[in-house]
All heavy atoms as atom14 arrays in JSON, in Angstrom:
{
  "sequence": "KLREITSPMITKLLAELLEKGGGGGRALYAAREEFI",
  "atom14_mask": [
    [1, 1, 1, 1, 1, 1, 1, 1, 1, 0, 0, 0, 0, 0],
    [1, 1, 1, 1, 1, 1, 1, 1, 0, 0, 0, 0, 0, 0],
    [1, 1, 1, 1, 1, 1, 1, 1, 1, 1, 1, 0, 0, 0],
    [1, 1, 1, 1, 1, 1, 1, 1, 1, 0, 0, 0, 0, 0],
    [1, 1, 1, 1, 1, 1, 1, 1, 0, 0, 0, 0, 0, 0],
    [1, 1, 1, 1, 1, 1, 1, 0, 0, 0, 0, 0, 0, 0],
    [1, 1, 1, 1, 1, 1, 0, 0, 0, 0, 0, 0, 0, 0],
    [1, 1, 1, 1, 1, 1, 1, 0, 0, 0, 0, 0, 0, 0],
    [1, 1, 1, 1, 1, 1, 1, 1, 0, 0, 0, 0, 0, 0],
    [1, 1, 1, 1, 1, 1, 1, 1, 0, 0, 0, 0, 0, 0],
    [1, 1, 1, 1, 1, 1, 1, 0, 0, 0, 0, 0, 0, 0],
    [1, 1, 1, 1, 1, 1, 1, 1, 1, 0, 0, 0, 0, 0],
    [1, 1, 1, 1, 1, 1, 1, 1, 0, 0, 0, 0, 0, 0],
    [1, 1, 1, 1, 1, 1, 1, 1, 0, 0, 0, 0, 0, 0],
    [1, 1, 1, 1, 1, 0, 0, 0, 0, 0, 0, 0, 0, 0],
    [1, 1, 1, 1, 1, 1, 1, 1, 1, 0, 0, 0, 0, 0],
    [1, 1, 1, 1, 1, 1, 1, 1, 0, 0, 0, 0, 0, 0],
    [1, 1, 1, 1, 1, 1, 1, 1, 0, 0, 0, 0, 0, 0],
    [1, 1, 1, 1, 1, 1, 1, 1, 1, 0, 0, 0, 0, 0],
    [1, 1, 1, 1, 1, 1, 1, 1, 1, 0, 0, 0, 0, 0],
    [1, 1, 1, 1, 0, 0, 0, 0, 0, 0, 0, 0, 0, 0],
    [1, 1, 1, 1, 0, 0, 0, 0, 0, 0, 0, 0, 0, 0],
    [1, 1, 1, 1, 0, 0, 0, 0, 0, 0, 0, 0, 0, 0],
    [1, 1, 1, 1, 0, 0, 0, 0, 0, 0, 0, 0, 0, 0],
    [1, 1, 1, 1, 0, 0, 0, 0, 0, 0, 0, 0, 0, 0],
    [1, 1, 1, 1, 1, 1, 1, 1, 1, 1, 1, 0, 0, 0],
    [1, 1, 1, 1, 1, 0, 0, 0, 0, 0, 0, 0, 0, 0],
    [1, 1, 1, 1, 1, 1, 1, 1, 0, 0, 0, 0, 0, 0],
    [1, 1, 1, 1, 1, 1, 1, 1, 1, 1, 1, 1, 0, 0],
    [1, 1, 1, 1, 1, 0, 0, 0, 0, 0, 0, 0, 0, 0],
    [1, 1, 1, 1, 1, 0, 0, 0, 0, 0, 0, 0, 0, 0],
    [1, 1, 1, 1, 1, 1, 1, 1, 1, 1, 1, 0, 0, 0],
    [1, 1, 1, 1, 1, 1, 1, 1, 1, 0, 0, 0, 0, 0],
    [1, 1, 1, 1, 1, 1, 1, 1, 1, 0, 0, 0, 0, 0],
    [1, 1, 1, 1, 1, 1, 1, 1, 1, 1, 1, 0, 0, 0],
    [1, 1, 1, 1, 1, 1, 1, 1, 0, 0, 0, 0, 0, 0]
  ],
  "atom14_positions": [
    [[-160.23, 26.28, -60.34], [-161.45, 26.94, -59.88], [-162.54, 25.89, -59.74], [-162.53, 24.87, -60.42], [-161.88, 28.02, -60.88], [-160.88, 29.17, -60.99], [-161.34, 30.19, -62.02], [-160.32, 31.33, -62.12], [-160.71, 32.33, -63.14], [0.0, 0.0, 0.0], [0.0, 0.0, 0.0], [0.0, 0.0, 0.0], [0.0, 0.0, 0.0], [0.0, 0.0, 0.0]],
    [[-163.49, 26.15, -58.85], [-164.53, 25.16, -58.58], [-165.29, 24.76, -59.84], [-165.6, 23.59, -60.05], [-165.5, 25.71, -57.52], [-164.96, 25.8, -56.09], [-165.97, 26.47, -55.18], [-164.57, 24.44, -55.55], [0.0, 0.0, 0.0], [0.0, 0.0, 0.0], [0.0, 0.0, 0.0], [0.0, 0.0, 0.0], [0.0, 0.0, 0.0], [0.0, 0.0, 0.0]],
    [[-165.56, 25.74, -60.69], [-166.34, 25.44, -61.89], [-165.53, 24.66, -62.92], [-166.09, 24.14, -63.89], [-166.88, 26.73, -62.5], [-165.81, 27.69, -62.99], [-166.46, 28.96, -63.5], [-165.48, 29.92, -64.0], [-165.81, 31.14, -64.44], [-167.08, 31.5, -64.43], [-164.89, 31.97, -64.87], [0.0, 0.0, 0.0], [0.0, 0.0, 0.0], [0.0, 0.0, 0.0]],
    [[-164.19, 24.59, -62.74], [-163.34, 23.85, -63.67], [-163.22, 22.36, -63.3], [-162.75, 21.56, -64.1], [-161.93, 24.46, -63.69], [-161.89, 25.87, -64.24], [-160.52, 26.51, -64.12], [-159.72, 26.03, -63.28], [-160.24, 27.48, -64.83], [0.0, 0.0, 0.0], [0.0, 0.0, 0.0], [0.0, 0.0, 0.0], [0.0, 0.0, 0.0], [0.0, 0.0, 0.0]],
    [[-163.63, 22.01, -62.1], [-163.49, 20.63, -61.63], [-164.66, 19.81, -62.15], [-165.82, 20.11, -61.87], [-163.42, 20.58, -60.1], [-162.2, 21.38, -59.61], [-163.33, 19.13, -59.6], [-162.1, 21.5, -58.11], [0.0, 0.0, 0.0], [0.0, 0.0, 0.0], [0.0, 0.0, 0.0], [0.0, 0.0, 0.0], [0.0, 0.0, 0.0], [0.0, 0.0, 0.0]],
    [[-164.36, 18.77, -62.91], [-165.39, 17.97, -63.57], [-165.39, 16.53, -63.04], [-164.44, 16.09, -62.38], [-165.16, 17.94, -65.08], [-163.87, 17.32, -65.34], [-165.16, 19.35, -65.66], [0.0, 0.0, 0.0], [0.0, 0.0, 0.0], [0.0, 0.0, 0.0], [0.0, 0.0, 0.0], [0.0, 0.0, 0.0], [0.0, 0.0, 0.0], [0.0, 0.0, 0.0]],
    [[-166.43, 15.8, -63.4], [-166.53, 14.39, -63.01], [-165.38, 13.55, -63.56], [-164.79, 12.74, -62.83], [-167.87, 13.82, -63.44], [-168.93, 14.47, -62.77], [0.0, 0.0, 0.0], [0.0, 0.0, 0.0], [0.0, 0.0, 0.0], [0.0, 0.0, 0.0], [0.0, 0.0, 0.0], [0.0, 0.0, 0.0], [0.0, 0.0, 0.0], [0.0, 0.0, 0.0]],
    [[-164.99, 13.69, -64.85], [-163.84, 12.94, -65.36], [-162.55, 13.24, -64.6], [-161.72, 12.36, -64.4], [-163.74, 13.39, -66.82], [-165.12, 13.8, -67.18], [-165.67, 14.44, -65.94], [0.0, 0.0, 0.0], [0.0, 0.0, 0.0], [0.0, 0.0, 0.0], [0.0, 0.0, 0.0], [0.0, 0.0, 0.0], [0.0, 0.0, 0.0], [0.0, 0.0, 0.0]],
    [[-162.38, 14.49, -64.17], [-161.2, 14.86, -63.4], [-161.18, 14.13, -62.06], [-160.13, 13.63, -61.61], [-161.19, 16.39, -63.18], [-159.92, 16.91, -62.53], [-160.03, 18.69, -62.17], [-160.22, 19.34, -63.83], [0.0, 0.0, 0.0], [0.0, 0.0, 0.0], [0.0, 0.0, 0.0], [0.0, 0.0, 0.0], [0.0, 0.0, 0.0], [0.0, 0.0, 0.0]],
    [[-162.35, 14.05, -61.42], [-162.45, 13.34, -60.14], [-162.19, 11.85, -60.35], [-161.5, 11.2, -59.55], [-163.85, 13.54, -59.52], [-164.12, 15.02, -59.26], [-163.97, 12.74, -58.22], [-163.21, 15.67, -58.28], [0.0, 0.0, 0.0], [0.0, 0.0, 0.0], [0.0, 0.0, 0.0], [0.0, 0.0, 0.0], [0.0, 0.0, 0.0], [0.0, 0.0, 0.0]],
    [[-162.72, 11.29, -61.44], [-162.51, 9.86, -61.74], [-161.02, 9.57, -61.88], [-160.51, 8.57, -61.34], [-163.25, 9.48, -63.04], [-164.65, 9.66, -62.85], [-162.96, 8.03, -63.41], [0.0, 0.0, 0.0], [0.0, 0.0, 0.0], [0.0, 0.0, 0.0], [0.0, 0.0, 0.0], [0.0, 0.0, 0.0], [0.0, 0.0, 0.0], [0.0, 0.0, 0.0]],
    [[-160.3, 10.43, -62.61], [-158.86, 10.24, -62.81], [-158.11, 10.34, -61.49], [-157.2, 9.54, -61.21], [-158.34, 11.29, -63.8], [-156.86, 11.14, -64.12], [-156.4, 12.22, -65.09], [-154.91, 12.08, -65.38], [-154.43, 13.15, -66.29], [0.0, 0.0, 0.0], [0.0, 0.0, 0.0], [0.0, 0.0, 0.0], [0.0, 0.0, 0.0], [0.0, 0.0, 0.0]],
    [[-158.48, 11.3, -60.66], [-157.83, 11.49, -59.37], [-157.98, 10.25, -58.49], [-157.02, 9.75, -57.9], [-158.42, 12.71, -58.67], [-157.84, 13.13, -57.31], [-158.0, 14.63, -57.13], [-158.52, 12.41, -56.16], [0.0, 0.0, 0.0], [0.0, 0.0, 0.0], [0.0, 0.0, 0.0], [0.0, 0.0, 0.0], [0.0, 0.0, 0.0], [0.0, 0.0, 0.0]],
    [[-159.21, 9.72, -58.4], [-159.47, 8.54, -57.56], [-158.73, 7.32, -58.09], [-158.22, 6.5, -57.3], [-160.98, 8.27, -57.5], [-161.83, 9.39, -56.87], [-163.3, 9.02, -56.93], [-161.4, 9.65, -55.43], [0.0, 0.0, 0.0], [0.0, 0.0, 0.0], [0.0, 0.0, 0.0], [0.0, 0.0, 0.0], [0.0, 0.0, 0.0], [0.0, 0.0, 0.0]],
    [[-158.67, 7.19, -59.41], [-157.96, 6.04, -60.02], [-156.47, 6.1, -59.7], [-155.84, 5.07, -59.42], [-158.19, 6.02, -61.52], [0.0, 0.0, 0.0], [0.0, 0.0, 0.0], [0.0, 0.0, 0.0], [0.0, 0.0, 0.0], [0.0, 0.0, 0.0], [0.0, 0.0, 0.0], [0.0, 0.0, 0.0], [0.0, 0.0, 0.0], [0.0, 0.0, 0.0]],
    [[-155.89, 7.31, -59.73], [-154.46, 7.46, -59.42], [-154.18, 7.12, -57.96], [-153.16, 6.48, -57.65], [-154.02, 8.89, -59.73], [-153.92, 9.2, -61.21], [-153.5, 10.63, -61.47], [-153.43, 11.41, -60.5], [-153.25, 10.99, -62.64], [0.0, 0.0, 0.0], [0.0, 0.0, 0.0], [0.0, 0.0, 0.0], [0.0, 0.0, 0.0], [0.0, 0.0, 0.0]],
    [[-155.06, 7.55, -57.07], [-154.87, 7.23, -55.66], [-154.96, 5.72, -55.42], [-154.21, 5.16, -54.61], [-155.94, 7.94, -54.81], [-155.83, 9.47, -54.72], [-157.02, 10.04, -53.96], [-154.53, 9.87, -54.03], [0.0, 0.0, 0.0], [0.0, 0.0, 0.0], [0.0, 0.0, 0.0], [0.0, 0.0, 0.0], [0.0, 0.0, 0.0], [0.0, 0.0, 0.0]],
    [[-155.86, 5.1, -56.14], [-156.06, 3.66, -55.98], [-154.87, 2.88, -56.52], [-154.46, 1.86, -55.95], [-157.33, 3.24, -56.72], [-157.91, 1.85, -56.4], [-158.28, 1.74, -54.94], [-159.13, 1.59, -57.27], [0.0, 0.0, 0.0], [0.0, 0.0, 0.0], [0.0, 0.0, 0.0], [0.0, 0.0, 0.0], [0.0, 0.0, 0.0], [0.0, 0.0, 0.0]],
    [[-154.27, 3.38, -57.61], [-153.18, 2.66, -58.26], [-151.8, 3.01, -57.7], [-150.97, 2.13, -57.47], [-153.19, 2.97, -59.76], [-152.09, 2.25, -60.54], [-152.09, 2.61, -62.01], [-153.0, 3.36, -62.44], [-151.19, 2.16, -62.73], [0.0, 0.0, 0.0], [0.0, 0.0, 0.0], [0.0, 0.0, 0.0], [0.0, 0.0, 0.0], [0.0, 0.0, 0.0]],
    [[-151.59, 4.3, -57.44], [-150.24, 4.74, -57.06], [-150.14, 5.27, -55.64], [-149.04, 5.38, -55.09], [-149.76, 5.84, -58.03], [-149.74, 5.41, -59.49], [-149.33, 6.56, -60.38], [-149.35, 6.16, -61.86], [-149.01, 7.29, -62.74], [0.0, 0.0, 0.0], [0.0, 0.0, 0.0], [0.0, 0.0, 0.0], [0.0, 0.0, 0.0], [0.0, 0.0, 0.0]],
    [[-151.27, 5.63, -55.06], [-151.22, 6.22, -53.73], [-150.63, 7.6, -53.8], [-150.97, 8.41, -54.66], [0.0, 0.0, 0.0], [0.0, 0.0, 0.0], [0.0, 0.0, 0.0], [0.0, 0.0, 0.0], [0.0, 0.0, 0.0], [0.0, 0.0, 0.0], [0.0, 0.0, 0.0], [0.0, 0.0, 0.0], [0.0, 0.0, 0.0], [0.0, 0.0, 0.0]],
    [[-149.7, 7.88, -52.89], [-149.05, 9.2, -52.9], [-149.63, 10.09, -51.83], [-150.82, 10.08, -51.56], [0.0, 0.0, 0.0], [0.0, 0.0, 0.0], [0.0, 0.0, 0.0], [0.0, 0.0, 0.0], [0.0, 0.0, 0.0], [0.0, 0.0, 0.0], [0.0, 0.0, 0.0], [0.0, 0.0, 0.0], [0.0, 0.0, 0.0], [0.0, 0.0, 0.0]],
    [[-148.75, 10.84, -51.18], [-149.18, 11.7, -50.1], [-149.54, 10.87, -48.89], [-150.02, 9.75, -49.0], [0.0, 0.0, 0.0], [0.0, 0.0, 0.0], [0.0, 0.0, 0.0], [0.0, 0.0, 0.0], [0.0, 0.0, 0.0], [0.0, 0.0, 0.0], [0.0, 0.0, 0.0], [0.0, 0.0, 0.0], [0.0, 0.0, 0.0], [0.0, 0.0, 0.0]],
    [[-149.28, 11.37, -47.73], [-149.68, 10.67, -46.52], [-148.83, 9.46, -46.21], [-149.12, 8.71, -45.29], [0.0, 0.0, 0.0], [0.0, 0.0, 0.0], [0.0, 0.0, 0.0], [0.0, 0.0, 0.0], [0.0, 0.0, 0.0], [0.0, 0.0, 0.0], [0.0, 0.0, 0.0], [0.0, 0.0, 0.0], [0.0, 0.0, 0.0], [0.0, 0.0, 0.0]],
    [[-147.77, 9.22, -47.0], [-146.92, 8.08, -46.74], [-146.07, 8.31, -45.49], [-146.01, 9.4, -44.94], [0.0, 0.0, 0.0], [0.0, 0.0, 0.0], [0.0, 0.0, 0.0], [0.0, 0.0, 0.0], [0.0, 0.0, 0.0], [0.0, 0.0, 0.0], [0.0, 0.0, 0.0], [0.0, 0.0, 0.0], [0.0, 0.0, 0.0], [0.0, 0.0, 0.0]],
    [[-145.41, 7.25, -45.06], [-144.59, 7.35, -43.86], [-143.33, 8.14, -44.16], [-142.64, 7.89, -45.15], [-144.22, 5.96, -43.37], [-143.43, 5.97, -42.07], [-142.98, 4.57, -41.72], [-142.13, 4.59, -40.55], [-141.37, 3.59, -40.16], [-141.38, 2.47, -40.86], [-140.63, 3.67, -39.08], [0.0, 0.0, 0.0], [0.0, 0.0, 0.0], [0.0, 0.0, 0.0]],
    [[-143.01, 9.11, -43.31], [-141.81, 9.93, -43.49], [-140.62, 9.25, -42.82], [-140.69, 8.88, -41.64], [-142.02, 11.33, -42.91], [0.0, 0.0, 0.0], [0.0, 0.0, 0.0], [0.0, 0.0, 0.0], [0.0, 0.0, 0.0], [0.0, 0.0, 0.0], [0.0, 0.0, 0.0], [0.0, 0.0, 0.0], [0.0, 0.0, 0.0], [0.0, 0.0, 0.0]],
    [[-139.54, 9.06, -43.56], [-138.32, 8.48, -43.03], [-137.18, 9.48, -43.22], [-137.21, 10.31, -44.13], [-137.99, 7.17, -43.75], [-139.02, 6.03, -43.57], [-138.65, 4.85, -44.44], [-139.11, 5.62, -42.12], [0.0, 0.0, 0.0], [0.0, 0.0, 0.0], [0.0, 0.0, 0.0], [0.0, 0.0, 0.0], [0.0, 0.0, 0.0], [0.0, 0.0, 0.0]],
    [[-136.18, 9.38, -42.36], [-135.08, 10.35, -42.39], [-133.74, 9.61, -42.45], [-133.54, 8.62, -41.74], [-135.13, 11.25, -41.15], [-136.34, 12.16, -41.13], [-137.59, 11.66, -40.77], [-136.25, 13.5, -41.5], [-138.71, 12.49, -40.76], [-137.36, 14.33, -41.48], [-138.59, 13.81, -41.12], [-139.69, 14.62, -41.11], [0.0, 0.0, 0.0], [0.0, 0.0, 0.0]],
    [[-132.84, 10.11, -43.3], [-131.5, 9.53, -43.43], [-130.47, 10.64, -43.25], [-130.59, 11.72, -43.84], [-131.32, 8.86, -44.79], [0.0, 0.0, 0.0], [0.0, 0.0, 0.0], [0.0, 0.0, 0.0], [0.0, 0.0, 0.0], [0.0, 0.0, 0.0], [0.0, 0.0, 0.0], [0.0, 0.0, 0.0], [0.0, 0.0, 0.0], [0.0, 0.0, 0.0]],
    [[-129.46, 10.39, -42.41], [-128.43, 11.41, -42.13], [-127.65, 11.75, -43.4], [-127.27, 10.87, -44.18], [-127.49, 10.9, -41.06], [0.0, 0.0, 0.0], [0.0, 0.0, 0.0], [0.0, 0.0, 0.0], [0.0, 0.0, 0.0], [0.0, 0.0, 0.0], [0.0, 0.0, 0.0], [0.0, 0.0, 0.0], [0.0, 0.0, 0.0], [0.0, 0.0, 0.0]],
    [[-127.42, 13.04, -43.61], [-126.64, 13.49, -44.76], [-125.14, 13.24, -44.52], [-124.7, 13.13, -43.36], [-126.89, 14.98, -45.02], [-128.35, 15.32, -45.3], [-128.52, 16.81, -45.51], [-129.92, 17.18, -45.63], [-130.61, 17.18, -46.77], [-130.0, 16.83, -47.9], [-131.88, 17.55, -46.79], [0.0, 0.0, 0.0], [0.0, 0.0, 0.0], [0.0, 0.0, 0.0]],
    [[-124.37, 13.16, -45.6], [-122.95, 12.83, -45.5], [-122.2, 13.82, -44.61], [-121.36, 13.43, -43.79], [-122.32, 12.81, -46.9], [-122.74, 11.61, -47.75], [-121.99, 11.56, -49.07], [-121.0, 12.31, -49.21], [-122.39, 10.77, -49.94], [0.0, 0.0, 0.0], [0.0, 0.0, 0.0], [0.0, 0.0, 0.0], [0.0, 0.0, 0.0], [0.0, 0.0, 0.0]],
    [[-122.49, 15.13, -44.78], [-121.77, 16.14, -44.0], [-122.11, 16.03, -42.5], [-121.27, 16.32, -41.63], [-122.07, 17.55, -44.51], [-123.54, 17.91, -44.62], [-124.14, 17.55, -45.97], [-123.65, 16.59, -46.62], [-125.11, 18.21, -46.36], [0.0, 0.0, 0.0], [0.0, 0.0, 0.0], [0.0, 0.0, 0.0], [0.0, 0.0, 0.0], [0.0, 0.0, 0.0]],
    [[-123.35, 15.59, -42.22], [-123.74, 15.43, -40.82], [-123.07, 14.19, -40.22], [-122.65, 14.19, -39.05], [-125.26, 15.34, -40.7], [-125.74, 15.24, -39.26], [-125.55, 16.29, -38.38], [-126.37, 14.1, -38.81], [-125.98, 16.21, -37.06], [-126.81, 14.0, -37.5], [-126.62, 15.06, -36.62], [0.0, 0.0, 0.0], [0.0, 0.0, 0.0], [0.0, 0.0, 0.0]],
    [[-122.98, 13.13, -41.02], [-122.3, 11.92, -40.56], [-120.83, 12.24, -40.25], [-120.27, 11.78, -39.25], [-122.4, 10.8, -41.62], [-123.86, 10.36, -41.77], [-121.52, 9.61, -41.25], [-124.09, 9.36, -42.88], [0.0, 0.0, 0.0], [0.0, 0.0, 0.0], [0.0, 0.0, 0.0], [0.0, 0.0, 0.0], [0.0, 0.0, 0.0], [0.0, 0.0, 0.0]]
  ]
}
């Protein structure tokens, strides 16, 4: 909920994006064994 979102929560979120990234990465596809 909007009232539950705090400054420390935002700080942690930004730090994780800076360190680990995640989301928005390049999508790659590999054929499955049954399809091969």
